[in-house]
C-alpha atoms as a PDB file:
ATOM      1  CA  MET A   1       0.171  -0.168  -0.255  1.00  0.00           C
ATOM      2  CA  LEU A   2       3.094   2.046  -0.051  1.00  0.00           C
ATOM      3  CA  TRP A   3       2.427   3.118  -3.995  1.00  0.00           C
ATOM      4  CA  ALA A   4      -0.982   4.600  -3.019  1.00  0.00           C
ATOM      5  CA  LYS A   5       0.316   6.770  -0.250  1.00  0.00           C
ATOM      6  CA  ALA A   6       3.146   7.894  -2.631  1.00  0.00           C
ATOM      7  CA  LEU A   7       0.349   8.386  -5.445  1.00  0.00           C
ATOM      8  CA  ILE A   8      -1.679  10.245  -3.047  1.00  0.00           C
ATOM      9  CA  ALA A   9       1.110  12.798  -1.790  1.00  0.00           C
ATOM     10  CA  VAL A  10       2.186  13.400  -5.286  1.00  0.00           C
ATOM     11  CA  VAL A  11      -1.863  14.384  -6.580  1.00  0.00           C
ATOM     12  CA  VAL A  12      -2.158  16.603  -2.978  1.00  0.00           C
ATOM     13  CA  PHE A  13       1.240  18.366  -4.314  1.00  0.00           C
ATOM     14  CA  LEU A  14       0.103  18.753  -7.737  1.00  0.00           C
ATOM     15  CA  VAL A  15      -3.344  20.318  -6.239  1.00  0.00           C
ATOM     16  CA  GLY A  16      -1.198  22.436  -3.721  1.00  0.00           C
ATOM     17  CA  LEU A  17       0.602  23.754  -6.741  1.00  0.00           C
ATOM     18  CA  VAL A  18      -2.716  24.752  -8.704  1.00  0.00           C
ATOM     19  CA  ILE A  19      -4.078  25.962  -5.630  1.00  0.00           C
ATOM     20  CA  PHE A  20      -1.044  28.605  -4.436  1.00  0.00           C
ATOM     21  CA  ILE A  21      -0.145  29.823  -7.911  1.00  0.00           C
ATOM     22  CA  SER A  22      -3.736  30.634  -8.377  1.00  0.00           C
ATOM     23  CA  CYS A  23      -4.402  32.173  -4.679  1.00  0.00           C
ATOM     24  CA  SER A  24      -1.094  34.152  -5.248  1.00  0.00           C
ATOM     25  CA  ARG A  25      -1.774  35.266  -8.644  1.00  0.00           C
ATOM     26  CA  LEU A  26      -5.261  36.577  -7.387  1.00  0.00           C
ATOM     27  CA  LEU A  27      -3.997  38.197  -4.114  1.00  0.00           C
ATOM     28  CA  GLY A  28      -0.662  39.102  -5.933  1.00  0.00           C
ATOM     29  CA  PRO A  29       2.450  36.860  -5.553  1.00  0.00           C
ATOM     30  CA  LEU A  30       4.683  39.643  -3.503  1.00  0.00           C
ATOM     31  CA  ARG A  31       2.292  41.056  -1.881  1.00  0.00           C
ATOM     32  CA  ARG A  32       3.639  40.791   2.111  1.00  0.00           C
ATOM     33  CA  LEU A  33      -0.082  39.769   3.105  1.00  0.00           C
ATOM     34  CA  THR A  34      -0.071  37.199   0.350  1.00  0.00           C
ATOM     35  CA  LEU A  35       3.297  35.716   1.671  1.00  0.00           C
ATOM     36  CA  ILE A  36       1.892  35.888   4.952  1.00  0.00           C
ATOM     37  CA  PHE A  37      -1.267  34.061   4.336  1.00  0.00           C
ATOM     38  CA  SER A  38       1.138  31.249   2.440  1.00  0.00           C
ATOM     39  CA  PHE A  39       3.365  30.784   5.076  1.00  0.00           C
ATOM     40  CA  THR A  40       0.887  30.751   7.628  1.00  0.00           C
ATOM     41  CA  LEU A  41      -1.330  27.912   6.275  1.00  0.00           C
ATOM     42  CA  GLN A  42       1.949  26.057   5.542  1.00  0.00           C
ATOM     43  CA  THR A  43       3.167  26.299   9.104  1.00  0.00           C
ATOM     44  CA  CYS A  44      -0.420  25.051  10.151  1.00  0.00           C
ATOM     45  CA  LEU A  45      -0.387  22.222   8.218  1.00  0.00           C
ATOM     46  CA  LEU A  46       2.861  21.484   9.255  1.00  0.00           C
ATOM     47  CA  LEU A  47       1.815  21.994  12.929  1.00  0.00           C
ATOM     48  CA  ALA A  48      -1.579  19.732  12.331  1.00  0.00           C
ATOM     49  CA  ALA A  49       0.836  16.865  11.043  1.00  0.00           C
ATOM     50  CA  ALA A  50       3.298  17.110  14.218  1.00  0.00           C
ATOM     51  CA  LEU A  51       0.293  16.893  16.369  1.00  0.00           C
ATOM     52  CA  LEU A  52      -1.257  13.828  14.712  1.00  0.00           C
ATOM     53  CA  VAL A  53       2.401  12.169  15.065  1.00  0.00           C
ATOM     54  CA  GLN A  54       3.099  13.654  18.157  1.00  0.00           C
ATOM     55  CA  GLN A  55      -0.252  12.254  19.539  1.00  0.00           C
ATOM     56  CA  GLU A  56       0.702   8.970  18.472  1.00  0.00           C
ATOM     57  CA  ALA A  57      -2.639   9.251  16.252  1.00  0.00           C
ATOM     58  CA  VAL A  58      -0.411   8.355  13.036  1.00  0.00           C
ATOM     59  CA  SER A  59       1.968   5.790  13.473  1.00  0.00           C
ATOM     60  CA  PRO A  60       5.450   7.162  11.910  1.00  0.00           C
ATOM     61  CA  ARG A  61       6.033   3.404  10.517  1.00  0.00           C
ATOM     62  CA  SER A  62       3.941   1.477   7.851  1.00  0.00           C
ATOM     63  CA  GLY A  63       4.009  -1.921   6.564  1.00  0.00           C
ATOM     64  CA  GLN A  64       3.954  -2.674   2.855  1.00  0.00           C
ATOM     65  CA  GLN A  65       1.070  -5.255   3.877  1.00  0.00           C
ATOM     66  CA  GLU A  66      -0.862  -2.974   6.393  1.00  0.00           C
ATOM     67  CA  PRO A  67      -4.105  -1.413   4.532  1.00  0.00           C
ATOM     68  CA  ILE A  68      -4.277   2.173   4.600  1.00  0.00           C
ATOM     69  CA  ASP A  69      -4.061   4.481   7.623  1.00  0.00           C
ATOM     70  CA  TRP A  70      -6.418   7.571   6.935  1.00  0.00           C
ATOM     71  CA  LEU A  71      -4.869   9.576   9.689  1.00  0.00           C
ATOM     72  CA  GLN A  72      -1.345   8.688   8.449  1.00  0.00           C
ATOM     73  CA  VAL A  73      -2.374   9.721   4.917  1.00  0.00           C
ATOM     74  CA  LEU A  74      -3.784  12.900   6.095  1.00  0.00           C
ATOM     75  CA  ALA A  75      -0.445  13.931   7.752  1.00  0.00           C
ATOM     76  CA  ILE A  76       1.013  13.108   4.472  1.00  0.00           C
ATOM     77  CA  SER A  77      -1.207  14.757   2.270  1.00  0.00           C
ATOM     78  CA  MET A  78      -0.865  17.982   4.672  1.00  0.00           C
ATOM     79  CA  ILE A  79       3.270  17.457   4.132  1.00  0.00           C
ATOM     80  CA  ALA A  80       2.785  17.317   0.170  1.00  0.00           C
ATOM     81  CA  PHE A  81       0.489  20.379   0.366  1.00  0.00           C
ATOM     82  CA  GLN A  82       2.484  22.731   2.199  1.00  0.00           C
ATOM     83  CA  ALA A  83       5.273  21.860   0.296  1.00  0.00           C
ATOM     84  CA  ALA A  84       3.498  23.044  -2.734  1.00  0.00           C
ATOM     85  CA  GLY A  85       3.013  26.453  -1.258  1.00  0.00           C
ATOM     86  CA  GLN A  86       6.905  26.442  -0.527  1.00  0.00           C
ATOM     87  CA  LEU A  87       8.093  25.654  -4.016  1.00  0.00           C
ATOM     88  CA  VAL A  88       5.547  28.081  -5.317  1.00  0.00           C
ATOM     89  CA  ALA A  89       6.591  31.034  -3.189  1.00  0.00           C
ATOM     90  CA  SER A  90      10.373  30.257  -3.803  1.00  0.00           C
ATOM     91  CA  ARG A  91       9.370  30.749  -7.690  1.00  0.00           C
ATOM     92  CA  PHE A  92       7.383  33.557  -7.071  1.00  0.00           C
ATOM     93  CA  LEU A  93      10.236  35.291  -4.987  1.00  0.00           C
ATOM     94  CA  ALA A  94      12.307  34.643  -8.145  1.00  0.00           C
ATOM     95  CA  PHE A  95      14.812  32.257  -6.371  1.00  0.00           C
ATOM     96  CA  SER A  96      14.373  29.807  -9.144  1.00  0.00           C
ATOM     97  CA  GLU A  97      17.854  28.339  -9.302  1.00  0.00           C
ATOM     98  CA  ILE A  98      16.916  27.248  -5.544  1.00  0.00           C
ATOM     99  CA  PRO A  99      14.617  24.016  -5.573  1.00  0.00           C
ATOM    100  CA  THR A 100      13.223  23.823  -2.192  1.00  0.00           C
ATOM    101  CA  VAL A 101      11.752  20.491  -2.631  1.00  0.00           C
ATOM    102  CA  VAL A 102      14.210  18.204  -4.468  1.00  0.00           C
ATOM    103  CA  LEU A 103      17.580  18.198  -3.360  1.00  0.00           C
ATOM    104  CA  THR A 104      19.013  16.318  -6.688  1.00  0.00           C
ATOM    105  CA  ALA A 105      17.490  19.045  -9.401  1.00  0.00           C
ATOM    106  CA  LEU A 106      19.834  21.494  -6.720  1.00  0.00           C
ATOM    107  CA  VAL A 107      22.937  19.560  -7.332  1.00  0.00           C
ATOM    108  CA  CYS A 108      22.515  19.237 -10.828  1.00  0.00           C
ATOM    109  CA  ASP A 109      21.866  22.922 -11.283  1.00  0.00           C
ATOM    110  CA  LEU A 110      24.423  23.602  -9.246  1.00  0.00           C
ATOM    111  CA  LEU A 111      26.730  21.116 -11.246  1.00  0.00           C
ATOM    112  CA  LEU A 112      25.391  22.321 -14.543  1.00  0.00           C
ATOM    113  CA  ASP A 113      26.696  26.250 -14.024  1.00  0.00           C
ATOM    114  CA  LYS A 114      29.188  27.441 -16.595  1.00  0.00           C
ATOM    115  CA  GLN A 115      30.666  30.142 -14.105  1.00  0.00           C
ATOM    116  CA  LEU A 116      30.651  27.464 -10.899  1.00  0.00           C
ATOM    117  CA  TYR A 117      34.222  28.388 -10.772  1.00  0.00           C
ATOM    118  CA  GLN A 118      34.040  32.052 -11.234  1.00  0.00           C
ATOM    119  CA  ARG A 119      35.987  34.321  -9.768  1.00  0.00           C
ATOM    120  CA  PRO A 120      35.489  36.809  -6.792  1.00  0.00           C
ATOM    121  CA  TRP A 121      32.876  35.212  -5.134  1.00  0.00           C
ATOM    122  CA  SER A 122      30.320  38.279  -5.485  1.00  0.00           C
ATOM    123  CA  ALA A 123      30.196  37.334  -9.002  1.00  0.00           C
ATOM    124  CA  ASN A 124      28.075  34.800  -8.918  1.00  0.00           C
ATOM    125  CA  PRO A 125      25.252  34.893  -6.477  1.00  0.00           C
ATOM    126  CA  LYS A 126      22.837  32.193  -7.984  1.00  0.00           C
ATOM    127  CA  ARG A 127      25.891  29.801  -7.578  1.00  0.00           C
ATOM    128  CA  ASN A 128      26.313  30.966  -4.211  1.00  0.00           C
ATOM    129  CA  ARG A 129      22.820  30.836  -3.179  1.00  0.00           C
ATOM    130  CA  ARG A 130      23.087  26.851  -4.658  1.00  0.00           C
ATOM    131  CA  ILE A 131      25.796  26.431  -2.528  1.00  0.00           C
ATOM    132  CA  GLY A 132      24.384  27.813   0.567  1.00  0.00           C
ATOM    133  CA  ALA A 133      21.040  25.889  -0.089  1.00  0.00           C
ATOM    134  CA  LEU A 134      23.393  22.424  -0.601  1.00  0.00           C
ATOM    135  CA  VAL A 135      25.120  22.920   2.512  1.00  0.00           C
ATOM    136  CA  ALA A 136      21.355  23.788   4.376  1.00  0.00           C
ATOM    137  CA  HIS A 137      19.620  20.783   3.043  1.00  0.00           C
ATOM    138  CA  PHE A 138      22.705  18.675   4.171  1.00  0.00           C
ATOM    139  CA  PHE A 139      22.845  20.049   7.719  1.00  0.00           C
ATOM    140  CA  GLY A 140      18.965  19.532   7.488  1.00  0.00           C
ATOM    141  CA  ALA A 141      18.971  16.256   6.793  1.00  0.00           C
ATOM    142  CA  MET A 142      21.510  15.280   9.536  1.00  0.00           C
ATOM    143  CA  ALA A 143      19.699  17.011  12.187  1.00  0.00           C
ATOM    144  CA  ALA A 144      16.386  15.682  10.937  1.00  0.00           C
ATOM    145  CA  GLY A 145      18.038  11.967  10.443  1.00  0.00           C
ATOM    146  CA  GLY A 146      19.166  12.325  14.236  1.00  0.00           C
ATOM    147  CA  MET A 147      16.144  13.985  15.702  1.00  0.00           C
ATOM    148  CA  ALA A 148      13.979  11.049  13.770  1.00  0.00           C
ATOM    149  CA  LYS A 149      16.478   8.506  15.868  1.00  0.00           C
ATOM    150  CA  GLU A 150      16.260  10.216  19.372  1.00  0.00           C
ATOM    151  CA  THR A 151      12.931  11.391  19.252  1.00  0.00           C
ATOM    152  CA  GLY A 152      11.194   9.920  16.457  1.00  0.00           C
ATOM    153  CA  LEU A 153       9.189  11.301  13.583  1.00  0.00           C
ATOM    154  CA  ALA A 154       7.525  14.155  15.445  1.00  0.00           C
ATOM    155  CA  GLY A 155      10.810  15.809  16.663  1.00  0.00           C
ATOM    156  CA  GLY A 156      11.275  16.488  12.637  1.00  0.00           C
ATOM    157  CA  LEU A 157       8.095  18.035  12.094  1.00  0.00           C
ATOM    158  CA  TRP A 158       8.029  20.097  14.999  1.00  0.00           C
ATOM    159  CA  LEU A 159      11.662  21.761  13.754  1.00  0.00           C
ATOM    160  CA  ALA A 160      10.367  22.217   9.966  1.00  0.00           C
ATOM    161  CA  MET A 161       7.292  23.848  12.038  1.00  0.00           C
ATOM    162  CA  ALA A 162       9.129  26.112  14.122  1.00  0.00           C
ATOM    163  CA  ILE A 163      11.755  27.301  10.939  1.00  0.00           C
ATOM    164  CA  LYS A 164       8.536  27.853   8.956  1.00  0.00           C
ATOM    165  CA  GLY A 165       6.670  29.604  11.707  1.00  0.00           C
ATOM    166  CA  GLY A 166      10.088  31.664  12.312  1.00  0.00           C
ATOM    167  CA  ILE A 167       9.738  32.640   8.585  1.00  0.00           C
ATOM    168  CA  THR A 168       6.185  33.749   8.867  1.00  0.00           C
ATOM    169  CA  VAL A 169       7.106  36.050  11.639  1.00  0.00           C
ATOM    170  CA  VAL A 170       9.760  37.623   9.163  1.00  0.00           C
ATOM    171  CA  TRP A 171       7.155  38.692   6.721  1.00  0.00           C
ATOM    172  CA  PHE A 172       5.555  40.653   9.056  1.00  0.00           C
ATOM    173  CA  GLY A 173       8.572  42.520   9.458  1.00  0.00           C
ATOM    174  CA  TRP A 174       9.984  42.332   5.728  1.00  0.00           C
ATOM    175  CA  SER A 175       9.957  46.217   4.091  1.00  0.00           C
ATOM    176  CA  ALA A 176       6.862  46.728   2.046  1.00  0.00           C
ATOM    177  CA  LYS A 177       9.358  48.454  -0.717  1.00  0.00           C
ATOM    178  CA  PRO A 178       9.305  46.904  -3.872  1.00  0.00           C
ATOM    179  CA  MET A 179      11.639  44.182  -4.151  1.00  0.00           C
ATOM    180  CA  GLN A 180      14.728  44.401  -7.099  1.00  0.00           C
ATOM    181  CA  LEU A 181      14.618  41.062  -8.531  1.00  0.00           C
ATOM    182  CA  GLU A 182      17.685  40.064 -11.054  1.00  0.00           C
ATOM    183  CA  LYS A 183      16.811  39.027 -14.543  1.00  0.00           C
ATOM    184  CA  GLN A 184      16.524  35.442 -15.024  1.00  0.00           C
END
């Protein structure tokens, strides 16, 4: 039944993309209020998933032959939906060089950069963001793996929710002046 959960996660992610793109375009993708709403929703979804796991309403593990646990599917769906919001926000903010969901795409883009070894360091900001994202992904995976081993799956979800909540709070104080985006 793992294939069914994976299929549901992909479908929910795709639906999330459509909803986040449509709502962002409707509200104005670079408006502070739109970003606050988007990240608040993402944080709430992570909070709900973390609570389900923390309260043991959802088993962090499932066997291949077990029937579908619909609460587990609900938690997976909330995580997939918020991941779509995260990806849409990164694209509207014009940081498409940093895939926020798929690490392999990040590494591929970094290695494809014809100016990977360009000096000085400040001459290639996209490369610098990719390297920073790669380092952040690496340490994030290490932290999440360690937390999962020590505290269970809920610990990683709580950490993700706290980081996402921190980003949400930052949007409240972000400058209201128009952003100067790099040409792509």
